[in-house]
């Protein structure tokens, strides 16, 4: 089994090298690093160590998701993971742990089209952000795993890539398309996959507003009338307050522990 780790880059400086180094440190050997560079001028590509694992595509693109789509065309792995510059693998054992889980699952249940995902470490807060252990409709509405922790079966990109009509939330739309249109199975792996830098493209003040608008369009497309009930549930459960708590330096750790316990109980009840 082979992984393709896709890294999109544009004048990323030392961050590109640090991201690539975290991949090269993996104990699992069967992977490739595919760097889609938007013709950087800062010399960041020259900072990379020479390795047979690295392939570089340097050409113009119109957006982050356009760059990802260009990379997918050249990818040779069976599963794809997208890491942004500044994001790292959490430790050197991530790929070996994920590969073992995938191989066991496929040997037991056949090679269905699947997305495997794990947890995220948020560096700015110094805590592990647990993902839902089961992907329900409400999870798809509320908070899916980010692309830095998702390993996609290559078949999920053969028919189409990211929809560029969603400049901020194309990864979100693609996950729901995989889940609902392609009937992809989603499987949680109890491993912290990535160390997330935060403060990226989708988290600017302007793009947060766009993200909210795109969220409404995307959820209506895939979830229909359920969106109204889910929106009401978010209001009744004080979602804006919970969001502030999750970002609090003093309370975020406790919040994440409680969230993980809820996910574990929810999985046992299903």
Protein backbone atom coordinates (compact mmCIF):
# COMPACT_ATOMS: atom_id res chain seq x y z
CA UNK A 1 0.00 0.00 0.00
CA UNK A 2 1.32 3.42 -0.96
CA UNK A 3 0.43 6.89 0.33
CA UNK A 4 0.69 10.15 -1.57
CA UNK A 5 1.24 13.12 0.75
CA UNK A 6 0.31 16.27 -1.15
CA UNK A 7 1.82 19.58 -0.04
CA UNK A 8 0.68 22.81 -1.72
CA UNK A 9 3.24 25.58 -1.58
CA UNK A 10 3.74 29.20 -2.63
CA UNK A 11 6.64 31.20 -1.18
CA UNK A 12 6.38 29.22 2.05
CA UNK A 13 10.03 29.63 3.09
CA UNK A 14 11.27 27.40 5.92
CA UNK A 15 7.75 26.12 6.61
CA UNK A 16 7.84 23.98 3.47
CA UNK A 17 11.08 22.34 4.60
CA UNK A 18 9.73 21.66 8.10
CA UNK A 19 6.57 20.10 6.69
CA UNK A 20 8.52 17.90 4.27
CA UNK A 21 11.02 16.90 6.96
CA UNK A 22 8.15 15.65 9.15
CA UNK A 23 7.08 13.39 6.29
CA UNK A 24 10.59 12.14 5.54
CA UNK A 25 10.91 11.18 9.22
CA UNK A 26 8.12 8.58 8.90
CA UNK A 27 9.05 5.01 9.79
CA UNK A 28 6.69 3.63 7.15
CA UNK A 29 8.52 3.65 3.83
CA UNK A 30 5.93 3.23 1.06
CA UNK A 31 4.91 6.81 0.33
CA UNK A 32 5.65 9.70 -1.99
CA UNK A 33 5.70 13.43 -1.30
CA UNK A 34 4.07 15.41 -4.08
CA UNK A 35 4.77 19.13 -3.80
CA UNK A 36 2.56 21.34 -5.92
CA UNK A 37 4.40 24.66 -6.02
CA UNK A 38 2.85 27.78 -7.55
CA UNK A 39 6.18 28.95 -9.01
CA UNK A 40 7.64 30.27 -5.76
CA UNK A 41 10.30 32.99 -5.94
CA UNK A 42 11.61 32.78 -2.37
CA UNK A 43 14.02 29.87 -2.82
CA UNK A 44 11.93 27.58 -0.60
CA UNK A 45 12.26 24.65 -3.01
CA UNK A 46 16.06 24.88 -2.85
CA UNK A 47 15.93 24.34 0.92
CA UNK A 48 14.60 20.80 0.52
CA UNK A 49 16.96 17.86 0.93
CA UNK A 50 17.34 15.60 -2.06
CA UNK A 51 15.19 12.48 -1.80
CA UNK A 52 13.73 9.91 -4.15
CA UNK A 53 10.52 10.36 -2.16
CA UNK A 54 9.95 13.93 -3.36
CA UNK A 55 8.34 14.94 -6.63
CA UNK A 56 7.80 18.62 -7.45
CA UNK A 57 5.25 20.13 -9.82
CA UNK A 58 5.94 23.82 -10.32
CA UNK A 59 3.29 25.65 -12.31
CA UNK A 60 0.74 28.40 -11.83
CA UNK A 61 -2.61 27.78 -10.19
CA UNK A 62 -5.62 29.92 -9.37
CA UNK A 63 -6.17 28.83 -5.75
CA UNK A 64 -5.21 26.34 -3.06
CA UNK A 65 -7.84 23.90 -4.26
CA UNK A 66 -6.84 24.31 -7.91
CA UNK A 67 -3.29 23.43 -6.83
CA UNK A 68 -4.56 20.36 -4.99
CA UNK A 69 -6.49 19.27 -8.07
CA UNK A 70 -3.38 19.64 -10.21
CA UNK A 71 -1.44 17.49 -7.75
CA UNK A 72 -4.06 14.74 -7.63
CA UNK A 73 -3.71 14.20 -11.38
CA UNK A 74 -0.06 13.25 -10.85
CA UNK A 75 -0.50 11.24 -7.63
CA UNK A 76 0.50 7.56 -7.68
CA UNK A 77 -0.56 6.42 -4.20
CA UNK A 78 -3.57 4.38 -3.16
CA UNK A 79 -4.50 6.87 -0.44
CA UNK A 80 -4.07 10.66 -0.45
CA UNK A 81 -3.44 13.03 2.45
CA UNK A 82 -3.21 16.81 2.05
CA UNK A 83 -0.82 18.68 4.38
CA UNK A 84 -0.48 22.45 4.18
CA UNK A 85 2.89 24.15 4.61
CA UNK A 86 3.30 24.65 8.35
CA UNK A 87 1.42 21.43 9.20
CA UNK A 88 3.43 18.39 10.28
CA UNK A 89 2.87 14.75 11.05
CA UNK A 90 2.37 14.46 14.80
CA UNK A 91 5.15 11.89 15.16
CA UNK A 92 7.22 9.47 13.08
CA UNK A 93 4.81 6.55 13.56
CA UNK A 94 1.68 8.10 11.99
CA UNK A 95 1.88 6.42 8.57
CA UNK A 96 2.83 3.01 9.99
CA UNK A 97 -0.12 3.13 12.41
CA UNK A 98 -2.55 4.23 9.70
CA UNK A 99 -1.24 1.67 7.20
CA UNK A 100 -1.68 -1.17 9.71
CA UNK A 101 -5.26 -0.09 10.45
CA UNK A 102 -6.18 0.23 6.77
CA UNK A 103 -4.67 -3.13 5.86
CA UNK A 104 -6.56 -4.89 8.66
CA UNK A 105 -9.83 -3.21 7.71
CA UNK A 106 -9.47 -4.03 4.03
CA UNK A 107 -8.49 -7.64 4.71
CA UNK A 108 -11.53 -8.15 6.94
CA UNK A 109 -14.18 -6.27 4.96
CA UNK A 110 -12.84 -6.08 1.43
CA UNK A 111 -11.56 -3.07 -0.45
CA UNK A 112 -14.56 -0.75 -0.26
CA UNK A 113 -14.15 2.95 -1.04
CA UNK A 114 -13.18 4.53 2.26
CA UNK A 115 -11.95 7.64 4.08
CA UNK A 116 -9.78 6.97 7.13
CA UNK A 117 -9.22 9.80 9.60
CA UNK A 118 -7.75 10.53 13.01
CA UNK A 119 -7.31 13.36 15.49
CA UNK A 120 -5.59 16.74 15.22
CA UNK A 121 -3.05 18.47 17.46
CA UNK A 122 -3.54 22.25 17.59
CA UNK A 123 -0.13 23.77 18.24
CA UNK A 124 -1.29 27.26 19.16
CA UNK A 125 -3.46 25.84 21.95
CA UNK A 126 -1.22 22.91 22.82
CA UNK A 127 -4.03 20.35 22.84
CA UNK A 128 -5.46 17.42 20.91
CA UNK A 129 -8.71 18.11 19.07
CA UNK A 130 -10.64 14.84 18.96
CA UNK A 131 -12.71 14.03 15.88
CA UNK A 132 -16.09 12.35 16.01
CA UNK A 133 -15.68 8.58 16.06
CA UNK A 134 -18.73 8.10 13.85
CA UNK A 135 -19.66 10.32 10.90
CA UNK A 136 -23.39 10.98 11.27
CA UNK A 137 -25.53 13.50 9.38
CA UNK A 138 -25.26 15.89 12.32
CA UNK A 139 -21.45 15.57 12.34
CA UNK A 140 -21.46 16.34 8.60
CA UNK A 141 -23.45 19.47 9.34
CA UNK A 142 -21.49 20.51 12.40
CA UNK A 143 -17.80 19.65 12.12
CA UNK A 144 -16.16 17.08 9.84
CA UNK A 145 -12.49 16.05 10.15
CA UNK A 146 -10.17 18.54 8.42
CA UNK A 147 -8.23 17.42 5.35
CA UNK A 148 -4.94 17.30 7.30
CA UNK A 149 -6.16 14.17 9.11
CA UNK A 150 -8.08 12.43 6.27
CA UNK A 151 -6.66 9.63 4.11
CA UNK A 152 -8.77 9.41 0.96
CA UNK A 153 -9.07 6.36 -1.25
CA UNK A 154 -7.75 7.47 -4.65
CA UNK A 155 -11.06 6.40 -6.25
CA UNK A 156 -12.70 9.38 -4.53
CA UNK A 157 -10.68 11.74 -6.72
CA UNK A 158 -10.86 9.84 -10.01
CA UNK A 159 -14.31 11.11 -10.97
CA UNK A 160 -13.80 14.69 -9.77
CA UNK A 161 -11.55 16.80 -7.59
CA UNK A 162 -12.37 19.78 -5.42
CA UNK A 163 -15.23 21.95 -6.69
CA UNK A 164 -13.64 25.35 -7.30
CA UNK A 165 -16.99 27.15 -7.03
CA UNK A 166 -16.38 26.92 -3.27
CA UNK A 167 -13.13 28.89 -2.83
CA UNK A 168 -13.02 28.53 0.97
CA UNK A 169 -14.83 25.28 1.76
CA UNK A 170 -14.15 23.07 -1.24
CA UNK A 171 -12.61 20.42 1.04
CA UNK A 172 -15.80 20.38 3.13
CA UNK A 173 -17.98 20.05 0.03
CA UNK A 174 -15.79 17.24 -1.29
CA UNK A 175 -16.00 15.29 1.97
CA UNK A 176 -19.81 15.47 1.86
CA UNK A 177 -19.80 14.52 -1.82
CA UNK A 178 -17.70 11.46 -0.97
CA UNK A 179 -20.00 10.56 1.91
CA UNK A 180 -23.36 11.05 0.22
CA UNK A 181 -22.85 10.90 -3.56
CA UNK A 182 -20.14 8.21 -3.57
CA UNK A 183 -21.32 6.36 -0.42
CA UNK A 184 -17.78 6.28 0.94
CA UNK A 185 -17.29 4.56 4.29
CA UNK A 186 -15.69 6.76 6.96
CA UNK A 187 -13.53 5.09 9.60
CA UNK A 188 -11.97 6.68 12.66
CA UNK A 189 -8.42 5.65 13.61
CA UNK A 190 -7.37 6.34 17.24
CA UNK A 191 -4.20 8.21 16.31
CA UNK A 192 -3.19 11.88 16.23
CA UNK A 193 -2.36 12.43 12.57
CA UNK A 194 -1.23 16.02 12.18
CA UNK A 195 0.14 18.96 14.10
CA UNK A 196 -1.90 21.91 12.85
CA UNK A 197 -0.44 25.40 12.67
CA UNK A 198 -3.75 27.28 12.49
CA UNK A 199 -4.45 30.75 11.17
CA UNK A 200 -4.42 29.63 7.55
CA UNK A 201 -6.31 30.56 4.41
CA UNK A 202 -9.79 29.65 5.65
CA UNK A 203 -9.36 31.39 9.01
CA UNK A 204 -8.91 34.99 7.89
CA UNK A 205 -11.69 37.37 8.90
CA UNK A 206 -12.88 37.78 5.30
CA UNK A 207 -12.83 34.07 4.53
CA UNK A 208 -14.65 33.14 7.75
CA UNK A 209 -17.65 35.10 6.44
CA UNK A 210 -17.40 33.38 3.07
CA UNK A 211 -17.10 30.03 4.84
CA UNK A 212 -20.40 30.58 6.65
CA UNK A 213 -22.19 31.36 3.38
CA UNK A 214 -20.66 28.36 1.62
CA UNK A 215 -21.59 26.15 4.57
CA UNK A 216 -25.27 27.03 4.14
CA UNK A 217 -25.20 26.24 0.42
CA UNK A 218 -23.29 22.97 0.84
CA UNK A 219 -25.35 21.60 3.73
CA UNK A 220 -28.61 22.40 1.95
CA UNK A 221 -27.30 20.55 -1.11
CA UNK A 222 -26.47 17.34 0.77
CA UNK A 223 -28.64 17.41 3.91
CA UNK A 224 -31.75 19.20 2.69
CA UNK A 225 -34.41 19.99 5.29
CA UNK A 226 -32.37 18.45 8.11
CA UNK A 227 -30.30 21.64 8.14
CA UNK A 228 -33.08 23.60 9.85
CA UNK A 229 -33.27 21.11 12.71
CA UNK A 230 -29.51 20.94 13.06
CA UNK A 231 -29.26 24.72 13.09
CA UNK A 232 -31.86 24.82 15.87
CA UNK A 233 -29.94 22.17 17.80
CA UNK A 234 -26.77 24.26 17.57
CA UNK A 235 -28.60 27.27 18.96
CA UNK A 236 -30.21 25.32 21.82
CA UNK A 237 -26.86 23.78 22.78
CA UNK A 238 -25.19 27.21 22.94
CA UNK A 239 -22.81 26.60 20.04
CA UNK A 240 -21.36 30.16 19.98
CA UNK A 241 -20.47 29.84 23.69
CA UNK A 242 -18.99 26.38 23.20
CA UNK A 243 -16.89 27.72 20.34
CA UNK A 244 -15.43 30.44 22.58
CA UNK A 245 -14.71 27.88 25.29
CA UNK A 246 -12.94 25.65 22.77
CA UNK A 247 -10.62 28.54 21.91
CA UNK A 248 -9.99 29.60 25.51
CA UNK A 249 -6.47 29.04 26.83
CA UNK A 250 -7.85 28.09 30.24
CA UNK A 251 -10.89 26.00 29.31
CA UNK A 252 -10.07 24.43 25.95
CA UNK A 253 -8.26 21.43 27.48
CA UNK A 254 -11.24 20.47 29.64
CA UNK A 255 -13.60 21.04 26.71
CA UNK A 256 -11.63 18.67 24.47
CA UNK A 257 -11.58 15.96 27.16
CA UNK A 258 -15.35 16.17 27.58
CA UNK A 259 -15.84 16.14 23.81
CA UNK A 260 -13.71 13.00 23.47
CA UNK A 261 -15.73 11.24 26.19
CA UNK A 262 -18.96 12.13 24.39
CA UNK A 263 -17.63 10.74 21.11
CA UNK A 264 -16.57 7.50 22.80
CA UNK A 265 -19.97 7.02 24.44
CA UNK A 266 -21.74 7.83 21.18
CA UNK A 267 -19.73 5.19 19.32
CA UNK A 268 -20.45 2.52 21.94
CA UNK A 269 -24.18 3.24 21.74
CA UNK A 270 -24.31 2.68 17.95
